[in-house]
Amino acid sequence: MARILVVDDSATEMFRFKEILSQHGYEVLEASNGADGVTLALVEQPDLVLMDVVMPEVNGYQATRQIVRAQQQKQIPVVMVSTKDQAVDREWATRQGAVEYLIKPVDEQQLLDIIARYTHQVS
């Protein structure tokens, strides 16, 4: 099953993502900030990254840009996940290299469908 890196500074959100993903057989890697998320993504080469936008120091846009630009072995799809729901937020995420943009709280089935699409798994 696919390995998913969740990058989120909210313990509540991290718990929810882990719960959903684990129930569906995904292996979950965790990072509580953007800098650690970049490091883990490049070292662990997960199948997909779920990236929060609003985080201290290195935000999700910056972390996504770093992951996308530094990839060597494979393209790791990054899905931005945020409470920010403006067209400019979506556009900025796309410009940084994100493949999708989800609004919190995420719809479980929509999340699973997107993961399946980019990891070639059946949800």
C-alpha atoms as a PDB file:
ATOM      1  CA  MET A   1       0.000   0.000   0.000  1.00  0.00           C
ATOM      2  CA  ALA A   2       1.092   3.568  -0.581  1.00  0.00           C
ATOM      3  CA  ARG A   3       3.118   5.625   1.866  1.00  0.00           C
ATOM      4  CA  ILE A   4       1.635   9.055   2.612  1.00  0.00           C
ATOM      5  CA  LEU A   5       3.543  11.887   4.281  1.00  0.00           C
ATOM      6  CA  VAL A   6       1.278  14.214   6.255  1.00  0.00           C
ATOM      7  CA  VAL A   7       2.780  17.637   7.020  1.00  0.00           C
ATOM      8  CA  ASP A   8       0.608  19.571   9.476  1.00  0.00           C
ATOM      9  CA  ASP A   9       1.332  21.522  12.654  1.00  0.00           C
ATOM     10  CA  SER A  10      -2.099  20.740  14.132  1.00  0.00           C
ATOM     11  CA  ALA A  11      -2.143  17.627  16.318  1.00  0.00           C
ATOM     12  CA  THR A  12      -5.906  17.376  15.765  1.00  0.00           C
ATOM     13  CA  GLU A  13      -5.585  17.419  11.985  1.00  0.00           C
ATOM     14  CA  MET A  14      -2.672  14.972  12.096  1.00  0.00           C
ATOM     15  CA  PHE A  15      -4.744  12.571  14.211  1.00  0.00           C
ATOM     16  CA  ARG A  16      -7.665  12.784  11.776  1.00  0.00           C
ATOM     17  CA  PHE A  17      -5.484  12.174   8.714  1.00  0.00           C
ATOM     18  CA  LYS A  18      -3.720   9.243  10.411  1.00  0.00           C
ATOM     19  CA  GLU A  19      -7.050   7.741  11.402  1.00  0.00           C
ATOM     20  CA  ILE A  20      -8.518   7.964   7.879  1.00  0.00           C
ATOM     21  CA  LEU A  21      -5.391   6.803   6.090  1.00  0.00           C
ATOM     22  CA  SER A  22      -4.590   3.952   8.477  1.00  0.00           C
ATOM     23  CA  GLN A  23      -8.146   2.612   8.219  1.00  0.00           C
ATOM     24  CA  HIS A  24      -7.643   2.347   4.473  1.00  0.00           C
ATOM     25  CA  GLY A  25      -4.300   0.596   4.687  1.00  0.00           C
ATOM     26  CA  TYR A  26      -1.954   3.487   3.970  1.00  0.00           C
ATOM     27  CA  GLU A  27       1.354   3.816   5.776  1.00  0.00           C
ATOM     28  CA  VAL A  28       1.522   7.286   7.337  1.00  0.00           C
ATOM     29  CA  LEU A  29       4.674   9.334   7.817  1.00  0.00           C
ATOM     30  CA  GLU A  30       4.394  12.499   9.942  1.00  0.00           C
ATOM     31  CA  ALA A  31       6.005  15.911   9.998  1.00  0.00           C
ATOM     32  CA  SER A  32       4.774  18.727  12.231  1.00  0.00           C
ATOM     33  CA  ASN A  33       6.349  21.556  10.227  1.00  0.00           C
ATOM     34  CA  GLY A  34       7.356  22.455   6.698  1.00  0.00           C
ATOM     35  CA  ALA A  35      11.115  22.084   7.174  1.00  0.00           C
ATOM     36  CA  ASP A  36      10.783  18.554   8.577  1.00  0.00           C
ATOM     37  CA  GLY A  37       8.275  17.764   5.826  1.00  0.00           C
ATOM     38  CA  VAL A  38      10.787  18.685   3.125  1.00  0.00           C
ATOM     39  CA  THR A  39      13.498  16.583   4.759  1.00  0.00           C
ATOM     40  CA  LEU A  40      11.231  13.559   5.202  1.00  0.00           C
ATOM     41  CA  ALA A  41       9.877  13.807   1.670  1.00  0.00           C
ATOM     42  CA  LEU A  42      13.347  13.815   0.160  1.00  0.00           C
ATOM     43  CA  VAL A  43      14.737  11.078   2.421  1.00  0.00           C
ATOM     44  CA  GLU A  44      11.722   8.747   2.587  1.00  0.00           C
ATOM     45  CA  GLN A  45      10.361   9.313  -0.961  1.00  0.00           C
ATOM     46  CA  PRO A  46       6.681   8.777  -0.021  1.00  0.00           C
ATOM     47  CA  ASP A  47       4.077   8.101  -2.696  1.00  0.00           C
ATOM     48  CA  LEU A  48       2.215  11.337  -1.902  1.00  0.00           C
ATOM     49  CA  VAL A  49       2.439  14.339   0.455  1.00  0.00           C
ATOM     50  CA  LEU A  50      -0.523  16.004   2.175  1.00  0.00           C
ATOM     51  CA  MET A  51       0.726  19.517   2.935  1.00  0.00           C
ATOM     52  CA  ASP A  52      -0.871  22.067   5.254  1.00  0.00           C
ATOM     53  CA  VAL A  53      -0.494  25.672   4.108  1.00  0.00           C
ATOM     54  CA  VAL A  54      -0.357  27.721   7.314  1.00  0.00           C
ATOM     55  CA  MET A  55       2.626  26.653   9.411  1.00  0.00           C
ATOM     56  CA  PRO A  56       5.296  28.644  11.242  1.00  0.00           C
ATOM     57  CA  GLU A  57       8.712  29.329   9.687  1.00  0.00           C
ATOM     58  CA  VAL A  58       8.497  27.250   6.471  1.00  0.00           C
ATOM     59  CA  ASN A  59       4.902  27.400   5.250  1.00  0.00           C
ATOM     60  CA  GLY A  60       3.254  24.844   2.994  1.00  0.00           C
ATOM     61  CA  TYR A  61       3.833  26.844  -0.185  1.00  0.00           C
ATOM     62  CA  GLN A  62       7.553  27.125   0.531  1.00  0.00           C
ATOM     63  CA  ALA A  63       7.838  23.447   1.510  1.00  0.00           C
ATOM     64  CA  THR A  64       5.957  22.325  -1.598  1.00  0.00           C
ATOM     65  CA  ARG A  65       8.217  24.400  -3.835  1.00  0.00           C
ATOM     66  CA  GLN A  66      11.308  22.902  -2.164  1.00  0.00           C
ATOM     67  CA  ILE A  67      10.036  19.327  -2.550  1.00  0.00           C
ATOM     68  CA  VAL A  68       9.035  19.761  -6.181  1.00  0.00           C
ATOM     69  CA  ARG A  69      12.309  21.453  -7.150  1.00  0.00           C
ATOM     70  CA  ALA A  70      14.567  19.009  -5.280  1.00  0.00           C
ATOM     71  CA  GLN A  71      13.053  15.720  -6.393  1.00  0.00           C
ATOM     72  CA  GLN A  72      15.552  13.320  -7.857  1.00  0.00           C
ATOM     73  CA  GLN A  73      14.322   9.740  -7.923  1.00  0.00           C
ATOM     74  CA  LYS A  74      10.617  10.211  -8.572  1.00  0.00           C
ATOM     75  CA  GLN A  75       7.925  12.820  -8.802  1.00  0.00           C
ATOM     76  CA  ILE A  76       6.160  13.029  -5.451  1.00  0.00           C
ATOM     77  CA  PRO A  77       2.679  14.505  -5.840  1.00  0.00           C
ATOM     78  CA  VAL A  78       1.932  17.182  -3.243  1.00  0.00           C
ATOM     79  CA  VAL A  79      -1.683  17.852  -2.269  1.00  0.00           C
ATOM     80  CA  MET A  80      -2.194  21.111  -0.405  1.00  0.00           C
ATOM     81  CA  VAL A  81      -4.724  20.964   2.430  1.00  0.00           C
ATOM     82  CA  SER A  82      -5.904  24.192   4.040  1.00  0.00           C
ATOM     83  CA  THR A  83      -8.698  26.173   5.594  1.00  0.00           C
ATOM     84  CA  LYS A  84      -7.818  28.952   3.111  1.00  0.00           C
ATOM     85  CA  ASP A  85     -10.447  28.812   0.360  1.00  0.00           C
ATOM     86  CA  GLN A  86      -9.691  31.684  -1.998  1.00  0.00           C
ATOM     87  CA  ALA A  87      -8.942  31.382  -5.716  1.00  0.00           C
ATOM     88  CA  VAL A  88      -5.589  33.074  -5.126  1.00  0.00           C
ATOM     89  CA  ASP A  89      -4.643  30.353  -2.601  1.00  0.00           C
ATOM     90  CA  ARG A  90      -5.413  27.616  -5.119  1.00  0.00           C
ATOM     91  CA  GLU A  91      -3.528  29.444  -7.856  1.00  0.00           C
ATOM     92  CA  TRP A  92      -0.498  29.964  -5.629  1.00  0.00           C
ATOM     93  CA  ALA A  93      -0.502  26.266  -4.659  1.00  0.00           C
ATOM     94  CA  THR A  94      -0.541  25.269  -8.330  1.00  0.00           C
ATOM     95  CA  ARG A  95       2.335  27.645  -9.075  1.00  0.00           C
ATOM     96  CA  GLN A  96       4.389  26.009  -6.319  1.00  0.00           C
ATOM     97  CA  GLY A  97       3.824  22.565  -7.856  1.00  0.00           C
ATOM     98  CA  ALA A  98       0.849  21.157  -5.931  1.00  0.00           C
ATOM     99  CA  VAL A  99      -1.292  18.735  -7.937  1.00  0.00           C
ATOM    100  CA  GLU A 100      -4.493  19.300  -5.916  1.00  0.00           C
ATOM    101  CA  TYR A 101      -5.882  21.652  -3.269  1.00  0.00           C
ATOM    102  CA  LEU A 102      -8.316  20.433  -0.599  1.00  0.00           C
ATOM    103  CA  ILE A 103     -10.238  22.497   1.936  1.00  0.00           C
ATOM    104  CA  LYS A 104     -10.332  21.518   5.623  1.00  0.00           C
ATOM    105  CA  PRO A 105     -12.198  19.798   7.000  1.00  0.00           C
ATOM    106  CA  VAL A 106     -11.563  17.387   4.156  1.00  0.00           C
ATOM    107  CA  ASP A 107     -14.214  15.098   2.800  1.00  0.00           C
ATOM    108  CA  GLU A 108     -12.929  11.582   3.494  1.00  0.00           C
ATOM    109  CA  GLN A 109     -14.029  10.099   0.162  1.00  0.00           C
ATOM    110  CA  GLN A 110     -12.633  13.031  -1.814  1.00  0.00           C
ATOM    111  CA  LEU A 111      -9.316  12.619   0.010  1.00  0.00           C
ATOM    112  CA  LEU A 112      -9.211   8.893  -0.730  1.00  0.00           C
ATOM    113  CA  ASP A 113     -10.125   9.451  -4.380  1.00  0.00           C
ATOM    114  CA  ILE A 114      -7.319  11.972  -4.841  1.00  0.00           C
ATOM    115  CA  ILE A 115      -4.777   9.715  -3.122  1.00  0.00           C
ATOM    116  CA  ALA A 116      -5.881   6.810  -5.316  1.00  0.00           C
ATOM    117  CA  ARG A 117      -5.591   8.935  -8.466  1.00  0.00           C
ATOM    118  CA  TYR A 118      -2.014   9.976  -7.770  1.00  0.00           C
ATOM    119  CA  THR A 119      -0.748   6.742  -6.220  1.00  0.00           C
ATOM    120  CA  HIS A 120      -2.576   4.472  -8.674  1.00  0.00           C
ATOM    121  CA  GLN A 121      -4.353   2.685  -5.826  1.00  0.00           C
ATOM    122  CA  VAL A 122      -8.014   1.711  -5.720  1.00  0.00           C
ATOM    123  CA  SER A 123      -9.860   3.471  -2.874  1.00  0.00           C
END
